[in-house]
Amino acid sequence: MTRAALLLGPLAMTAYGITRIIGRLDDQYGPGADWQLAHLFGLAGMLLFIPIIWHLRAHTRPGPLRETVTAVTLLGLAASIIQFSADIIQAAIAADRAELKTLQHGFTDLPGVQLAIYDIGPQLFFIGIGILAALTKPLPWWSPVLLLTAVLLTAVDLNLLPLTGLLMLAALHPLTRRPTPLPATR
């Protein structure tokens, strides 16, 4: 499962970004099939990052730093999952774009939701996975650099999400290789 997640998680992020860009071409993005498909890709990507985080954790030195970074990363991932889920549910309920906006504002106006689920939470996931990758023994030095670059791209422009997913794929790819067995000794 982990090997598949290492490939499919970042590819789902790329698919989310591509579908989002295509959906916005006609200025009619949300609610509708393109919105739902994009957000389902995003949700799938986030869910696939759960085993990725545990895999990264398993390859880091035990201690309080590992546990803190893992907890913060999972907390950020939970915020992202809630965000995608809310967007999917709201779009399924909304009859049109105006109603979708009203539903979104109703959710984000709840105390703490905007800050925790939209502003800070998802950033904890992206920054945390970069730090976790930096602590992971089998990853080359450039993997955390690629992950952090990918994170920064989303802060610059959400239309760079396809590139973000591809950079995450490249950064995590070394973990997909199976270790070469040692030759048998007599």
N, C-alpha and C. Protein backbone atom coordinates (compact mmCIF):
# COMPACT_ATOMS: atom_id res chain seq x y z
N MET A 1 0.82 -1.20 0.00
CA MET A 1 0.00 0.00 0.00
C MET A 1 0.86 1.26 0.00
N THR A 2 1.93 1.25 0.80
CA THR A 2 2.77 2.45 0.92
C THR A 2 3.41 2.79 -0.41
N ARG A 3 3.89 1.80 -1.11
CA ARG A 3 4.55 2.06 -2.40
C ARG A 3 3.56 2.70 -3.38
N ALA A 4 2.36 2.17 -3.43
CA ALA A 4 1.33 2.74 -4.30
C ALA A 4 0.98 4.15 -3.86
N ALA A 5 0.88 4.37 -2.55
CA ALA A 5 0.55 5.69 -2.03
C ALA A 5 1.63 6.71 -2.39
N LEU A 6 2.90 6.29 -2.35
CA LEU A 6 4.01 7.18 -2.70
C LEU A 6 3.90 7.68 -4.14
N LEU A 7 3.31 6.88 -4.99
CA LEU A 7 3.12 7.28 -6.39
C LEU A 7 1.77 7.98 -6.58
N LEU A 8 0.72 7.38 -6.05
CA LEU A 8 -0.63 7.87 -6.32
C LEU A 8 -1.00 9.15 -5.55
N GLY A 9 -0.45 9.33 -4.35
CA GLY A 9 -0.75 10.54 -3.58
C GLY A 9 -0.34 11.81 -4.34
N PRO A 10 0.93 11.91 -4.75
CA PRO A 10 1.33 13.09 -5.52
C PRO A 10 0.64 13.19 -6.88
N LEU A 11 0.38 12.04 -7.52
CA LEU A 11 -0.31 12.09 -8.82
C LEU A 11 -1.76 12.58 -8.66
N ALA A 12 -2.39 12.22 -7.54
CA ALA A 12 -3.74 12.73 -7.29
C ALA A 12 -3.71 14.24 -7.08
N MET A 13 -2.66 14.73 -6.44
CA MET A 13 -2.51 16.19 -6.28
C MET A 13 -2.36 16.86 -7.65
N THR A 14 -1.58 16.23 -8.53
CA THR A 14 -1.40 16.75 -9.88
C THR A 14 -2.73 16.74 -10.62
N ALA A 15 -3.47 15.64 -10.50
CA ALA A 15 -4.78 15.54 -11.15
C ALA A 15 -5.74 16.59 -10.61
N TYR A 16 -5.68 16.84 -9.31
CA TYR A 16 -6.51 17.90 -8.71
C TYR A 16 -6.18 19.24 -9.37
N GLY A 17 -4.90 19.55 -9.46
CA GLY A 17 -4.49 20.82 -10.04
C GLY A 17 -4.90 20.97 -11.49
N ILE A 18 -4.72 19.91 -12.28
CA ILE A 18 -5.08 19.96 -13.70
C ILE A 18 -6.59 20.10 -13.87
N THR A 19 -7.35 19.31 -13.12
CA THR A 19 -8.80 19.36 -13.22
C THR A 19 -9.33 20.73 -12.77
N ARG A 20 -8.71 21.28 -11.76
CA ARG A 20 -9.09 22.61 -11.27
C ARG A 20 -8.84 23.67 -12.35
N ILE A 21 -7.70 23.61 -13.00
CA ILE A 21 -7.37 24.58 -14.06
C ILE A 21 -8.36 24.45 -15.22
N ILE A 22 -8.62 23.22 -15.64
CA ILE A 22 -9.57 22.99 -16.74
C ILE A 22 -10.96 23.49 -16.35
N GLY A 23 -11.38 23.21 -15.12
CA GLY A 23 -12.69 23.62 -14.65
C GLY A 23 -12.85 25.14 -14.60
N ARG A 24 -11.77 25.85 -14.38
CA ARG A 24 -11.83 27.31 -14.28
C ARG A 24 -11.76 27.99 -15.64
N LEU A 25 -11.52 27.26 -16.69
CA LEU A 25 -11.38 27.87 -18.02
C LEU A 25 -12.65 28.58 -18.49
N ASP A 26 -13.81 28.06 -18.09
CA ASP A 26 -15.07 28.66 -18.56
C ASP A 26 -15.69 29.60 -17.53
N ASP A 27 -14.97 29.92 -16.47
CA ASP A 27 -15.46 30.80 -15.40
C ASP A 27 -16.72 30.27 -14.73
N GLN A 28 -16.96 28.97 -14.81
CA GLN A 28 -18.14 28.36 -14.20
C GLN A 28 -17.73 27.30 -13.17
N TYR A 29 -16.59 27.46 -12.57
CA TYR A 29 -16.06 26.45 -11.65
C TYR A 29 -16.80 26.48 -10.33
N GLY A 30 -17.51 25.44 -10.04
CA GLY A 30 -18.19 25.22 -8.79
C GLY A 30 -19.59 25.80 -8.76
N PRO A 31 -20.56 25.07 -8.28
CA PRO A 31 -20.54 23.62 -8.13
C PRO A 31 -20.73 22.95 -9.48
N GLY A 32 -20.42 21.72 -9.56
CA GLY A 32 -20.59 20.97 -10.81
C GLY A 32 -19.62 19.82 -10.87
N ALA A 33 -19.67 19.09 -11.99
CA ALA A 33 -18.86 17.88 -12.14
C ALA A 33 -17.37 18.18 -12.07
N ASP A 34 -16.94 19.28 -12.69
CA ASP A 34 -15.51 19.60 -12.69
C ASP A 34 -15.02 19.91 -11.26
N TRP A 35 -15.82 20.65 -10.50
CA TRP A 35 -15.49 20.96 -9.12
C TRP A 35 -15.40 19.67 -8.29
N GLN A 36 -16.42 18.82 -8.43
CA GLN A 36 -16.45 17.59 -7.64
C GLN A 36 -15.28 16.66 -8.00
N LEU A 37 -15.03 16.52 -9.30
CA LEU A 37 -13.92 15.66 -9.72
C LEU A 37 -12.60 16.18 -9.19
N ALA A 38 -12.36 17.47 -9.33
CA ALA A 38 -11.12 18.06 -8.82
C ALA A 38 -10.98 17.81 -7.32
N HIS A 39 -12.03 18.07 -6.58
CA HIS A 39 -11.96 17.91 -5.13
C HIS A 39 -11.88 16.45 -4.70
N LEU A 40 -12.47 15.56 -5.47
CA LEU A 40 -12.30 14.13 -5.17
C LEU A 40 -10.85 13.69 -5.38
N PHE A 41 -10.21 14.21 -6.44
CA PHE A 41 -8.78 13.95 -6.63
C PHE A 41 -7.98 14.49 -5.44
N GLY A 42 -8.31 15.72 -5.03
CA GLY A 42 -7.60 16.32 -3.90
C GLY A 42 -7.79 15.53 -2.62
N LEU A 43 -9.01 15.11 -2.35
CA LEU A 43 -9.29 14.31 -1.15
C LEU A 43 -8.56 12.98 -1.21
N ALA A 44 -8.60 12.33 -2.37
CA ALA A 44 -7.88 11.05 -2.51
C ALA A 44 -6.39 11.25 -2.26
N GLY A 45 -5.84 12.32 -2.81
CA GLY A 45 -4.42 12.61 -2.58
C GLY A 45 -4.11 12.77 -1.11
N MET A 46 -4.95 13.52 -0.41
CA MET A 46 -4.71 13.73 1.02
C MET A 46 -4.81 12.42 1.79
N LEU A 47 -5.80 11.62 1.48
CA LEU A 47 -5.94 10.33 2.17
C LEU A 47 -4.74 9.42 1.90
N LEU A 48 -4.22 9.48 0.68
CA LEU A 48 -3.04 8.66 0.35
C LEU A 48 -1.78 9.14 1.05
N PHE A 49 -1.78 10.37 1.55
CA PHE A 49 -0.62 10.85 2.28
C PHE A 49 -0.57 10.32 3.71
N ILE A 50 -1.63 9.72 4.20
CA ILE A 50 -1.60 9.14 5.55
C ILE A 50 -0.53 8.04 5.62
N PRO A 51 -0.57 7.01 4.75
CA PRO A 51 0.50 6.01 4.84
C PRO A 51 1.88 6.56 4.48
N ILE A 52 1.93 7.60 3.67
CA ILE A 52 3.22 8.21 3.33
C ILE A 52 3.85 8.81 4.58
N ILE A 53 3.06 9.51 5.36
CA ILE A 53 3.58 10.12 6.59
C ILE A 53 4.08 9.04 7.55
N TRP A 54 3.31 7.97 7.70
CA TRP A 54 3.74 6.88 8.59
C TRP A 54 5.00 6.21 8.06
N HIS A 55 5.12 6.11 6.75
CA HIS A 55 6.33 5.53 6.15
C HIS A 55 7.54 6.43 6.41
N LEU A 56 7.38 7.72 6.23
CA LEU A 56 8.47 8.65 6.52
C LEU A 56 8.87 8.56 7.99
N ARG A 57 7.87 8.54 8.86
CA ARG A 57 8.12 8.44 10.30
C ARG A 57 8.91 7.19 10.64
N ALA A 58 8.56 6.08 9.99
CA ALA A 58 9.23 4.81 10.28
C ALA A 58 10.71 4.84 9.92
N HIS A 59 11.10 5.77 9.06
CA HIS A 59 12.49 5.86 8.62
C HIS A 59 13.23 7.05 9.22
N THR A 60 12.72 7.54 10.35
CA THR A 60 13.41 8.63 11.03
C THR A 60 13.88 8.16 12.40
N ARG A 61 14.83 8.87 12.95
CA ARG A 61 15.38 8.52 14.26
C ARG A 61 14.30 8.72 15.33
N PRO A 62 14.10 7.72 16.19
CA PRO A 62 13.10 7.86 17.26
C PRO A 62 13.44 9.03 18.18
N GLY A 63 12.40 9.63 18.71
CA GLY A 63 12.61 10.72 19.66
C GLY A 63 11.48 11.73 19.60
N PRO A 64 11.55 12.72 20.48
CA PRO A 64 10.46 13.70 20.57
C PRO A 64 10.30 14.54 19.30
N LEU A 65 11.39 14.82 18.59
CA LEU A 65 11.29 15.60 17.36
C LEU A 65 10.46 14.85 16.33
N ARG A 66 10.75 13.56 16.16
CA ARG A 66 10.00 12.73 15.21
C ARG A 66 8.51 12.73 15.55
N GLU A 67 8.21 12.54 16.83
CA GLU A 67 6.81 12.45 17.25
C GLU A 67 6.10 13.79 17.09
N THR A 68 6.78 14.88 17.40
CA THR A 68 6.17 16.21 17.27
C THR A 68 5.90 16.55 15.81
N VAL A 69 6.90 16.33 14.96
CA VAL A 69 6.74 16.64 13.54
C VAL A 69 5.65 15.75 12.92
N THR A 70 5.62 14.48 13.29
CA THR A 70 4.59 13.58 12.78
C THR A 70 3.20 14.05 13.21
N ALA A 71 3.06 14.41 14.48
CA ALA A 71 1.76 14.85 14.99
C ALA A 71 1.30 16.14 14.29
N VAL A 72 2.20 17.09 14.13
CA VAL A 72 1.86 18.35 13.48
C VAL A 72 1.49 18.10 12.01
N THR A 73 2.24 17.24 11.35
CA THR A 73 1.96 16.92 9.95
C THR A 73 0.60 16.26 9.79
N LEU A 74 0.30 15.31 10.67
CA LEU A 74 -1.01 14.63 10.62
C LEU A 74 -2.15 15.59 10.97
N LEU A 75 -1.90 16.51 11.88
CA LEU A 75 -2.90 17.52 12.22
C LEU A 75 -3.20 18.39 11.00
N GLY A 76 -2.15 18.80 10.30
CA GLY A 76 -2.33 19.59 9.08
C GLY A 76 -3.03 18.79 8.00
N LEU A 77 -2.70 17.52 7.90
CA LEU A 77 -3.36 16.65 6.92
C LEU A 77 -4.84 16.50 7.24
N ALA A 78 -5.17 16.37 8.52
CA ALA A 78 -6.57 16.28 8.93
C ALA A 78 -7.33 17.54 8.53
N ALA A 79 -6.71 18.70 8.69
CA ALA A 79 -7.34 19.95 8.29
C ALA A 79 -7.60 19.96 6.78
N SER A 80 -6.63 19.47 6.01
CA SER A 80 -6.80 19.42 4.55
C SER A 80 -7.92 18.47 4.16
N ILE A 81 -8.01 17.33 4.84
CA ILE A 81 -9.06 16.36 4.56
C ILE A 81 -10.44 16.96 4.88
N ILE A 82 -10.52 17.66 5.99
CA ILE A 82 -11.78 18.31 6.36
C ILE A 82 -12.14 19.37 5.31
N GLN A 83 -11.15 20.14 4.88
CA GLN A 83 -11.40 21.18 3.88
C GLN A 83 -11.94 20.60 2.58
N PHE A 84 -11.28 19.56 2.05
CA PHE A 84 -11.75 18.94 0.81
C PHE A 84 -13.13 18.32 1.00
N SER A 85 -13.34 17.67 2.13
CA SER A 85 -14.65 17.05 2.40
C SER A 85 -15.75 18.10 2.47
N ALA A 86 -15.48 19.19 3.15
CA ALA A 86 -16.47 20.27 3.25
C ALA A 86 -16.78 20.84 1.87
N ASP A 87 -15.75 21.05 1.06
CA ASP A 87 -15.96 21.58 -0.29
C ASP A 87 -16.81 20.64 -1.14
N ILE A 88 -16.58 19.35 -1.01
CA ILE A 88 -17.35 18.36 -1.77
C ILE A 88 -18.81 18.35 -1.31
N ILE A 89 -19.02 18.33 0.01
CA ILE A 89 -20.38 18.29 0.55
C ILE A 89 -21.14 19.57 0.20
N GLN A 90 -20.50 20.71 0.38
CA GLN A 90 -21.16 21.99 0.08
C GLN A 90 -21.54 22.08 -1.40
N ALA A 91 -20.65 21.62 -2.27
CA ALA A 91 -20.94 21.67 -3.70
C ALA A 91 -22.07 20.71 -4.06
N ALA A 92 -22.18 19.59 -3.35
CA ALA A 92 -23.26 18.64 -3.61
C ALA A 92 -24.61 19.21 -3.19
N ILE A 93 -24.61 20.05 -2.17
CA ILE A 93 -25.85 20.65 -1.67
C ILE A 93 -26.25 21.87 -2.48
N ALA A 94 -25.26 22.65 -2.92
CA ALA A 94 -25.53 23.94 -3.57
C ALA A 94 -26.15 23.77 -4.95
N ALA A 95 -27.11 24.63 -5.23
CA ALA A 95 -27.77 24.63 -6.54
C ALA A 95 -26.98 25.44 -7.56
N ASP A 96 -26.24 26.43 -7.08
CA ASP A 96 -25.47 27.28 -7.98
C ASP A 96 -24.27 27.87 -7.24
N ARG A 97 -23.51 28.68 -7.94
CA ARG A 97 -22.28 29.25 -7.40
C ARG A 97 -22.56 30.17 -6.20
N ALA A 98 -23.63 30.95 -6.28
CA ALA A 98 -23.98 31.85 -5.18
C ALA A 98 -24.30 31.07 -3.91
N GLU A 99 -25.05 29.98 -4.05
CA GLU A 99 -25.38 29.17 -2.89
C GLU A 99 -24.14 28.47 -2.34
N LEU A 100 -23.23 28.05 -3.22
CA LEU A 100 -21.98 27.44 -2.77
C LEU A 100 -21.19 28.44 -1.93
N LYS A 101 -21.10 29.67 -2.38
CA LYS A 101 -20.38 30.71 -1.63
C LYS A 101 -21.04 30.94 -0.26
N THR A 102 -22.37 30.95 -0.24
CA THR A 102 -23.10 31.13 1.02
C THR A 102 -22.80 29.99 1.98
N LEU A 103 -22.82 28.76 1.47
CA LEU A 103 -22.52 27.59 2.31
C LEU A 103 -21.07 27.64 2.81
N GLN A 104 -20.16 28.02 1.93
CA GLN A 104 -18.75 28.11 2.33
C GLN A 104 -18.56 29.14 3.43
N HIS A 105 -19.20 30.30 3.27
CA HIS A 105 -19.08 31.34 4.29
C HIS A 105 -19.73 30.90 5.60
N GLY A 106 -20.83 30.19 5.51
CA GLY A 106 -21.47 29.67 6.72
C GLY A 106 -20.54 28.75 7.49
N PHE A 107 -19.76 27.95 6.78
CA PHE A 107 -18.81 27.03 7.43
C PHE A 107 -17.60 27.79 7.96
N THR A 108 -17.01 28.64 7.12
CA THR A 108 -15.79 29.35 7.55
C THR A 108 -16.07 30.41 8.60
N ASP A 109 -17.32 30.84 8.75
CA ASP A 109 -17.67 31.82 9.78
C ASP A 109 -17.79 31.18 11.17
N LEU A 110 -17.84 29.85 11.23
CA LEU A 110 -17.84 29.19 12.53
C LEU A 110 -16.53 29.52 13.24
N PRO A 111 -16.57 29.76 14.55
CA PRO A 111 -15.36 30.16 15.27
C PRO A 111 -14.20 29.17 15.08
N GLY A 112 -13.09 29.70 14.61
CA GLY A 112 -11.86 28.91 14.47
C GLY A 112 -11.71 28.14 13.17
N VAL A 113 -12.79 27.97 12.42
CA VAL A 113 -12.74 27.15 11.20
C VAL A 113 -11.83 27.76 10.14
N GLN A 114 -12.00 29.04 9.85
CA GLN A 114 -11.18 29.67 8.82
C GLN A 114 -9.70 29.53 9.15
N LEU A 115 -9.36 29.82 10.38
CA LEU A 115 -7.96 29.77 10.80
C LEU A 115 -7.42 28.34 10.81
N ALA A 116 -8.14 27.42 11.43
CA ALA A 116 -7.65 26.05 11.61
C ALA A 116 -7.72 25.21 10.34
N ILE A 117 -8.82 25.30 9.60
CA ILE A 117 -9.06 24.40 8.47
C ILE A 117 -8.55 24.96 7.15
N TYR A 118 -8.52 26.27 7.02
CA TYR A 118 -8.15 26.87 5.74
C TYR A 118 -6.81 27.61 5.76
N ASP A 119 -6.54 28.36 6.81
CA ASP A 119 -5.35 29.22 6.81
C ASP A 119 -4.09 28.52 7.33
N ILE A 120 -4.18 27.94 8.51
CA ILE A 120 -2.98 27.39 9.15
C ILE A 120 -2.87 25.87 8.98
N GLY A 121 -3.97 25.16 9.19
CA GLY A 121 -3.94 23.69 9.19
C GLY A 121 -3.25 23.08 7.98
N PRO A 122 -3.70 23.36 6.77
CA PRO A 122 -3.07 22.74 5.60
C PRO A 122 -1.57 23.08 5.47
N GLN A 123 -1.19 24.28 5.92
CA GLN A 123 0.23 24.66 5.85
C GLN A 123 1.07 23.77 6.77
N LEU A 124 0.49 23.36 7.90
CA LEU A 124 1.19 22.46 8.81
C LEU A 124 1.51 21.13 8.12
N PHE A 125 0.57 20.64 7.31
CA PHE A 125 0.83 19.41 6.56
C PHE A 125 1.99 19.59 5.60
N PHE A 126 1.92 20.63 4.79
CA PHE A 126 2.94 20.82 3.76
C PHE A 126 4.32 21.09 4.35
N ILE A 127 4.39 21.92 5.36
CA ILE A 127 5.69 22.21 5.99
C ILE A 127 6.17 20.98 6.77
N GLY A 128 5.24 20.33 7.47
CA GLY A 128 5.60 19.15 8.26
C GLY A 128 6.14 18.02 7.41
N ILE A 129 5.55 17.79 6.24
CA ILE A 129 6.04 16.68 5.41
C ILE A 129 7.45 17.00 4.88
N GLY A 130 7.73 18.27 4.66
CA GLY A 130 9.08 18.66 4.25
C GLY A 130 10.09 18.41 5.34
N ILE A 131 9.73 18.77 6.57
CA ILE A 131 10.63 18.53 7.70
C ILE A 131 10.79 17.04 7.96
N LEU A 132 9.69 16.31 7.89
CA LEU A 132 9.75 14.86 8.09
C LEU A 132 10.64 14.21 7.04
N ALA A 133 10.54 14.68 5.81
CA ALA A 133 11.42 14.15 4.75
C ALA A 133 12.87 14.47 5.04
N ALA A 134 13.14 15.64 5.60
CA ALA A 134 14.52 16.01 5.94
C ALA A 134 15.08 15.10 7.03
N LEU A 135 14.22 14.56 7.87
CA LEU A 135 14.65 13.66 8.94
C LEU A 135 14.72 12.20 8.50
N THR A 136 14.23 11.90 7.30
CA THR A 136 14.14 10.52 6.82
C THR A 136 15.48 10.06 6.28
N LYS A 137 15.98 8.96 6.82
CA LYS A 137 17.31 8.47 6.48
C LYS A 137 17.51 8.08 5.01
N PRO A 138 16.63 7.30 4.39
CA PRO A 138 16.95 6.86 3.02
C PRO A 138 16.76 7.91 1.92
N LEU A 139 16.30 9.11 2.27
CA LEU A 139 16.07 10.11 1.23
C LEU A 139 17.33 10.93 0.97
N PRO A 140 17.61 11.23 -0.30
CA PRO A 140 18.76 12.09 -0.60
C PRO A 140 18.47 13.53 -0.15
N TRP A 141 19.49 14.33 -0.07
CA TRP A 141 19.37 15.72 0.42
C TRP A 141 18.37 16.54 -0.39
N TRP A 142 18.24 16.24 -1.67
CA TRP A 142 17.40 17.07 -2.54
C TRP A 142 15.90 16.79 -2.37
N SER A 143 15.54 15.66 -1.77
CA SER A 143 14.12 15.34 -1.60
C SER A 143 13.39 16.36 -0.72
N PRO A 144 13.90 16.68 0.47
CA PRO A 144 13.21 17.71 1.26
C PRO A 144 13.21 19.08 0.57
N VAL A 145 14.26 19.37 -0.18
CA VAL A 145 14.32 20.64 -0.91
C VAL A 145 13.20 20.69 -1.95
N LEU A 146 12.99 19.58 -2.68
CA LEU A 146 11.90 19.52 -3.66
C LEU A 146 10.54 19.64 -2.98
N LEU A 147 10.37 18.97 -1.85
CA LEU A 147 9.10 19.04 -1.14
C LEU A 147 8.81 20.47 -0.67
N LEU A 148 9.79 21.11 -0.12
CA LEU A 148 9.58 22.49 0.35
C LEU A 148 9.35 23.44 -0.82
N THR A 149 10.03 23.21 -1.93
CA THR A 149 9.79 24.01 -3.14
C THR A 149 8.35 23.81 -3.61
N ALA A 150 7.89 22.58 -3.59
CA ALA A 150 6.51 22.28 -3.99
C ALA A 150 5.51 23.04 -3.11
N VAL A 151 5.78 23.07 -1.82
CA VAL A 151 4.92 23.77 -0.88
C VAL A 151 4.88 25.26 -1.19
N LEU A 152 6.03 25.82 -1.46
CA LEU A 152 6.09 27.26 -1.74
C LEU A 152 5.35 27.62 -3.02
N LEU A 153 5.35 26.69 -3.98
CA LEU A 153 4.63 26.96 -5.23
C LEU A 153 3.15 27.19 -5.00
N THR A 154 2.56 26.43 -4.09
CA THR A 154 1.13 26.60 -3.82
C THR A 154 0.85 27.95 -3.16
N ALA A 155 1.81 28.46 -2.42
CA ALA A 155 1.64 29.78 -1.80
C ALA A 155 1.71 30.89 -2.85
N VAL A 156 2.47 30.65 -3.92
CA VAL A 156 2.62 31.65 -4.98
C VAL A 156 1.36 31.71 -5.84
N ASP A 157 0.87 30.52 -6.27
CA ASP A 157 -0.28 30.48 -7.17
C ASP A 157 -0.85 29.06 -7.18
N LEU A 158 -2.13 28.93 -6.91
CA LEU A 158 -2.76 27.60 -6.90
C LEU A 158 -2.76 26.95 -8.28
N ASN A 159 -2.57 27.73 -9.33
CA ASN A 159 -2.47 27.14 -10.67
C ASN A 159 -1.18 26.35 -10.85
N LEU A 160 -0.29 26.42 -9.88
CA LEU A 160 0.96 25.65 -9.93
C LEU A 160 0.81 24.29 -9.24
N LEU A 161 -0.42 23.96 -8.81
CA LEU A 161 -0.65 22.67 -8.15
C LEU A 161 -0.21 21.46 -8.96
N PRO A 162 -0.40 21.43 -10.30
CA PRO A 162 0.10 20.26 -11.03
C PRO A 162 1.61 20.08 -10.87
N LEU A 163 2.34 21.17 -10.88
CA LEU A 163 3.79 21.10 -10.69
C LEU A 163 4.11 20.70 -9.26
N THR A 164 3.33 21.17 -8.31
CA THR A 164 3.52 20.78 -6.91
C THR A 164 3.44 19.26 -6.77
N GLY A 165 2.41 18.66 -7.36
CA GLY A 165 2.26 17.20 -7.28
C GLY A 165 3.43 16.48 -7.92
N LEU A 166 3.89 16.98 -9.06
CA LEU A 166 5.02 16.33 -9.74
C LEU A 166 6.31 16.46 -8.94
N LEU A 167 6.52 17.60 -8.33
CA LEU A 167 7.72 17.77 -7.49
C LEU A 167 7.65 16.85 -6.26
N MET A 168 6.46 16.70 -5.70
CA MET A 168 6.29 15.78 -4.56
C MET A 168 6.57 14.34 -5.00
N LEU A 169 6.10 14.00 -6.19
CA LEU A 169 6.36 12.67 -6.73
C LEU A 169 7.86 12.43 -6.87
N ALA A 170 8.56 13.39 -7.44
CA ALA A 170 10.01 13.25 -7.62
C ALA A 170 10.72 13.17 -6.27
N ALA A 171 10.27 13.97 -5.31
CA ALA A 171 10.91 14.00 -3.99
C ALA A 171 10.73 12.68 -3.25
N LEU A 172 9.57 12.07 -3.39
CA LEU A 172 9.27 10.82 -2.67
C LEU A 172 9.67 9.57 -3.43
N HIS A 173 9.97 9.71 -4.71
CA HIS A 173 10.28 8.55 -5.55
C HIS A 173 11.39 7.66 -5.01
N PRO A 174 12.45 8.20 -4.41
CA PRO A 174 13.48 7.29 -3.89
C PRO A 174 12.95 6.28 -2.88
N LEU A 175 11.85 6.58 -2.23
CA LEU A 175 11.28 5.63 -1.26
C LEU A 175 10.52 4.49 -1.92
N THR A 176 10.27 4.60 -3.23
CA THR A 176 9.53 3.53 -3.92
C THR A 176 10.43 2.39 -4.34
N ARG A 177 11.72 2.63 -4.33
CA ARG A 177 12.64 1.56 -4.72
C ARG A 177 12.76 0.54 -3.61
N ARG A 178 12.71 -0.69 -4.01
CA ARG A 178 12.90 -1.76 -3.02
C ARG A 178 14.39 -1.88 -2.76
N PRO A 179 14.75 -2.11 -1.50
CA PRO A 179 16.19 -2.28 -1.21
C PRO A 179 16.72 -3.51 -1.92
N THR A 180 17.94 -3.40 -2.40
CA THR A 180 18.59 -4.52 -3.07
C THR A 180 19.03 -5.52 -2.01
N PRO A 181 18.62 -6.79 -2.16
CA PRO A 181 19.03 -7.78 -1.16
C PRO A 181 20.54 -8.00 -1.21
N LEU A 182 21.08 -8.25 -0.03
CA LEU A 182 22.52 -8.55 0.04
C LEU A 182 22.77 -9.95 -0.49
N PRO A 183 23.95 -10.15 -1.15
CA PRO A 183 24.24 -11.50 -1.64
C PRO A 183 24.38 -12.48 -0.49
N ALA A 184 23.95 -13.70 -0.74
CA ALA A 184 24.04 -14.74 0.29
C ALA A 184 25.50 -15.09 0.53
N THR A 185 25.84 -15.25 1.81
CA THR A 185 27.20 -15.66 2.15
C THR A 185 27.18 -17.09 2.63
N ARG A 186 28.29 -17.75 2.43
CA ARG A 186 28.35 -19.15 2.85
C ARG A 186 29.05 -19.32 4.14
